[in-house]
Amino acid sequence: MEKLTILRMFFCFPLVGLLVPDAGILLSNYPGHVPLMHVVIETALLVCIALCTVAIAYGKRRNQDQTNEASFS
């Protein structure tokens, strides 16, 4: 579980590194466009972060259910 948390954290670093310059391009007066490869990478990183988050939540819920069952037995 801890490894998933660390993996999710390390997926956030390149995502922020790509989002900051892309946001600068979109907010500036310079008529530029966000490269398609950045969009693909950002989407893939968001999917990986979401998968890690779901796996962490599932693991926590599973541990809570086992704890609750053990306390009633």
N, C-alpha and C. Protein backbone atom coordinates (compact mmCIF):
# COMPACT_ATOMS: atom_id res chain seq x y z
N MET A 1 0.82 -1.18 0.00
CA MET A 1 0.00 0.00 0.00
C MET A 1 0.87 1.25 0.00
N GLU A 2 1.91 1.21 0.78
CA GLU A 2 2.82 2.37 0.86
C GLU A 2 3.52 2.59 -0.49
N LYS A 3 3.82 1.51 -1.18
CA LYS A 3 4.47 1.64 -2.49
C LYS A 3 3.55 2.34 -3.50
N LEU A 4 2.25 2.05 -3.43
CA LEU A 4 1.31 2.73 -4.32
C LEU A 4 1.23 4.22 -4.02
N THR A 5 1.30 4.57 -2.75
CA THR A 5 1.27 5.98 -2.37
C THR A 5 2.50 6.70 -2.90
N ILE A 6 3.65 6.08 -2.78
CA ILE A 6 4.88 6.68 -3.28
C ILE A 6 4.85 6.77 -4.80
N LEU A 7 4.35 5.73 -5.46
CA LEU A 7 4.24 5.74 -6.92
C LEU A 7 3.32 6.85 -7.38
N ARG A 8 2.20 7.03 -6.72
CA ARG A 8 1.26 8.09 -7.07
C ARG A 8 1.91 9.46 -6.89
N MET A 9 2.68 9.62 -5.83
CA MET A 9 3.38 10.88 -5.59
C MET A 9 4.38 11.17 -6.70
N PHE A 10 5.11 10.17 -7.15
CA PHE A 10 6.10 10.38 -8.19
C PHE A 10 5.48 10.57 -9.57
N PHE A 11 4.23 10.10 -9.78
CA PHE A 11 3.53 10.43 -11.01
C PHE A 11 3.12 11.89 -11.05
N CYS A 12 2.93 12.50 -9.87
CA CYS A 12 2.52 13.90 -9.81
C CYS A 12 3.64 14.85 -10.21
N PHE A 13 4.88 14.51 -9.96
CA PHE A 13 5.99 15.41 -10.27
C PHE A 13 6.08 15.73 -11.76
N PRO A 14 6.11 14.74 -12.66
CA PRO A 14 6.18 15.10 -14.09
C PRO A 14 4.89 15.76 -14.57
N LEU A 15 3.77 15.41 -13.95
CA LEU A 15 2.51 16.04 -14.35
C LEU A 15 2.55 17.54 -14.07
N VAL A 16 2.99 17.92 -12.90
CA VAL A 16 3.10 19.34 -12.57
C VAL A 16 4.14 20.00 -13.46
N GLY A 17 5.22 19.29 -13.75
CA GLY A 17 6.26 19.83 -14.62
C GLY A 17 5.77 20.11 -16.03
N LEU A 18 4.78 19.38 -16.49
CA LEU A 18 4.21 19.63 -17.81
C LEU A 18 3.06 20.64 -17.76
N LEU A 19 2.31 20.63 -16.68
CA LEU A 19 1.15 21.52 -16.59
C LEU A 19 1.54 22.99 -16.44
N VAL A 20 2.62 23.27 -15.74
CA VAL A 20 3.02 24.66 -15.52
C VAL A 20 3.36 25.37 -16.84
N PRO A 21 4.22 24.82 -17.70
CA PRO A 21 4.49 25.51 -18.96
C PRO A 21 3.27 25.54 -19.90
N ASP A 22 2.47 24.47 -19.87
CA ASP A 22 1.28 24.45 -20.72
C ASP A 22 0.28 25.50 -20.28
N ALA A 23 0.13 25.68 -18.97
CA ALA A 23 -0.76 26.73 -18.48
C ALA A 23 -0.22 28.10 -18.86
N GLY A 24 1.10 28.25 -18.84
CA GLY A 24 1.71 29.51 -19.26
C GLY A 24 1.44 29.82 -20.72
N ILE A 25 1.47 28.79 -21.55
CA ILE A 25 1.18 28.97 -22.97
C ILE A 25 -0.28 29.40 -23.15
N LEU A 26 -1.18 28.75 -22.45
CA LEU A 26 -2.60 29.05 -22.60
C LEU A 26 -2.98 30.42 -22.03
N LEU A 27 -2.30 30.86 -20.98
CA LEU A 27 -2.63 32.13 -20.34
C LEU A 27 -1.91 33.34 -20.93
N SER A 28 -0.90 33.10 -21.74
CA SER A 28 -0.14 34.22 -22.31
C SER A 28 -0.83 34.76 -23.56
N ASN A 29 -0.38 35.93 -23.97
CA ASN A 29 -0.91 36.55 -25.18
C ASN A 29 -0.28 35.97 -26.44
N TYR A 30 0.77 35.18 -26.26
CA TYR A 30 1.43 34.56 -27.40
C TYR A 30 0.52 33.48 -27.98
N PRO A 31 0.22 33.56 -29.26
CA PRO A 31 -0.71 32.58 -29.85
C PRO A 31 -0.04 31.23 -30.11
N GLY A 32 0.25 30.50 -29.06
CA GLY A 32 0.86 29.18 -29.20
C GLY A 32 -0.16 28.10 -28.92
N HIS A 33 0.26 26.88 -29.09
CA HIS A 33 -0.62 25.76 -28.80
C HIS A 33 0.12 24.73 -27.97
N VAL A 34 -0.62 23.97 -27.21
CA VAL A 34 -0.04 22.92 -26.37
C VAL A 34 0.28 21.74 -27.28
N PRO A 35 1.52 21.24 -27.22
CA PRO A 35 1.87 20.09 -28.05
C PRO A 35 1.01 18.87 -27.73
N LEU A 36 0.68 18.14 -28.77
CA LEU A 36 -0.16 16.95 -28.62
C LEU A 36 0.50 15.92 -27.71
N MET A 37 1.80 15.80 -27.79
CA MET A 37 2.50 14.83 -26.95
C MET A 37 2.34 15.16 -25.46
N HIS A 38 2.31 16.45 -25.12
CA HIS A 38 2.09 16.86 -23.72
C HIS A 38 0.71 16.42 -23.26
N VAL A 39 -0.28 16.58 -24.11
CA VAL A 39 -1.64 16.19 -23.75
C VAL A 39 -1.72 14.68 -23.53
N VAL A 40 -1.06 13.92 -24.39
CA VAL A 40 -1.07 12.45 -24.26
C VAL A 40 -0.37 12.04 -22.96
N ILE A 41 0.78 12.63 -22.68
CA ILE A 41 1.52 12.28 -21.46
C ILE A 41 0.74 12.68 -20.22
N GLU A 42 0.15 13.88 -20.24
CA GLU A 42 -0.62 14.34 -19.09
C GLU A 42 -1.84 13.45 -18.84
N THR A 43 -2.49 13.03 -19.91
CA THR A 43 -3.64 12.13 -19.77
C THR A 43 -3.21 10.78 -19.21
N ALA A 44 -2.10 10.26 -19.69
CA ALA A 44 -1.60 8.97 -19.19
C ALA A 44 -1.23 9.07 -17.71
N LEU A 45 -0.60 10.17 -17.32
CA LEU A 45 -0.24 10.34 -15.91
C LEU A 45 -1.48 10.47 -15.03
N LEU A 46 -2.49 11.18 -15.51
CA LEU A 46 -3.73 11.30 -14.75
C LEU A 46 -4.42 9.95 -14.58
N VAL A 47 -4.38 9.13 -15.63
CA VAL A 47 -4.97 7.79 -15.54
C VAL A 47 -4.19 6.94 -14.53
N CYS A 48 -2.88 7.02 -14.56
CA CYS A 48 -2.06 6.25 -13.61
C CYS A 48 -2.32 6.70 -12.17
N ILE A 49 -2.43 8.01 -11.95
CA ILE A 49 -2.72 8.53 -10.62
C ILE A 49 -4.09 8.06 -10.16
N ALA A 50 -5.07 8.08 -11.07
CA ALA A 50 -6.42 7.63 -10.72
C ALA A 50 -6.42 6.14 -10.37
N LEU A 51 -5.69 5.32 -11.13
CA LEU A 51 -5.62 3.89 -10.84
C LEU A 51 -4.98 3.62 -9.49
N CYS A 52 -3.91 4.34 -9.18
CA CYS A 52 -3.27 4.18 -7.87
C CYS A 52 -4.22 4.59 -6.75
N THR A 53 -4.96 5.68 -6.95
CA THR A 53 -5.90 6.15 -5.95
C THR A 53 -7.01 5.13 -5.70
N VAL A 54 -7.52 4.55 -6.77
CA VAL A 54 -8.56 3.52 -6.64
C VAL A 54 -8.01 2.30 -5.92
N ALA A 55 -6.81 1.88 -6.27
CA ALA A 55 -6.21 0.72 -5.62
C ALA A 55 -5.97 0.97 -4.13
N ILE A 56 -5.55 2.17 -3.77
CA ILE A 56 -5.33 2.51 -2.37
C ILE A 56 -6.66 2.51 -1.61
N ALA A 57 -7.68 3.11 -2.20
CA ALA A 57 -8.99 3.15 -1.55
C ALA A 57 -9.56 1.74 -1.39
N TYR A 58 -9.41 0.90 -2.40
CA TYR A 58 -9.89 -0.48 -2.32
C TYR A 58 -9.16 -1.24 -1.23
N GLY A 59 -7.84 -1.05 -1.15
CA GLY A 59 -7.05 -1.72 -0.12
C GLY A 59 -7.45 -1.29 1.28
N LYS A 60 -7.67 0.01 1.46
CA LYS A 60 -8.09 0.50 2.78
C LYS A 60 -9.47 -0.02 3.15
N ARG A 61 -10.38 -0.02 2.20
CA ARG A 61 -11.73 -0.52 2.47
C ARG A 61 -11.69 -2.01 2.80
N ARG A 62 -10.87 -2.74 2.10
CA ARG A 62 -10.75 -4.18 2.35
C ARG A 62 -10.19 -4.44 3.75
N ASN A 63 -9.18 -3.65 4.15
CA ASN A 63 -8.61 -3.81 5.50
C ASN A 63 -9.63 -3.44 6.57
N GLN A 64 -10.43 -2.40 6.33
CA GLN A 64 -11.45 -2.01 7.30
C GLN A 64 -12.52 -3.09 7.43
N ASP A 65 -12.91 -3.70 6.31
CA ASP A 65 -13.91 -4.77 6.36
C ASP A 65 -13.39 -5.96 7.14
N GLN A 66 -12.12 -6.32 6.94
CA GLN A 66 -11.55 -7.44 7.68
C GLN A 66 -11.45 -7.13 9.16
N THR A 67 -11.14 -5.88 9.50
CA THR A 67 -11.06 -5.48 10.89
C THR A 67 -12.43 -5.53 11.54
N ASN A 68 -13.45 -5.05 10.83
CA ASN A 68 -14.81 -5.09 11.37
C ASN A 68 -15.31 -6.51 11.56
N GLU A 69 -15.00 -7.39 10.63
CA GLU A 69 -15.41 -8.79 10.76
C GLU A 69 -14.72 -9.46 11.93
N ALA A 70 -13.45 -9.13 12.15
CA ALA A 70 -12.70 -9.73 13.25
C ALA A 70 -13.22 -9.24 14.60
N SER A 71 -13.68 -7.99 14.67
CA SER A 71 -14.16 -7.47 15.94
C SER A 71 -15.51 -8.06 16.34
N PHE A 72 -16.32 -8.47 15.36
CA PHE A 72 -17.62 -9.06 15.65
C PHE A 72 -17.51 -10.54 15.97
N SER A 73 -16.43 -11.19 15.60
CA SER A 73 -16.29 -12.64 15.82
C SER A 73 -15.93 -12.96 17.23
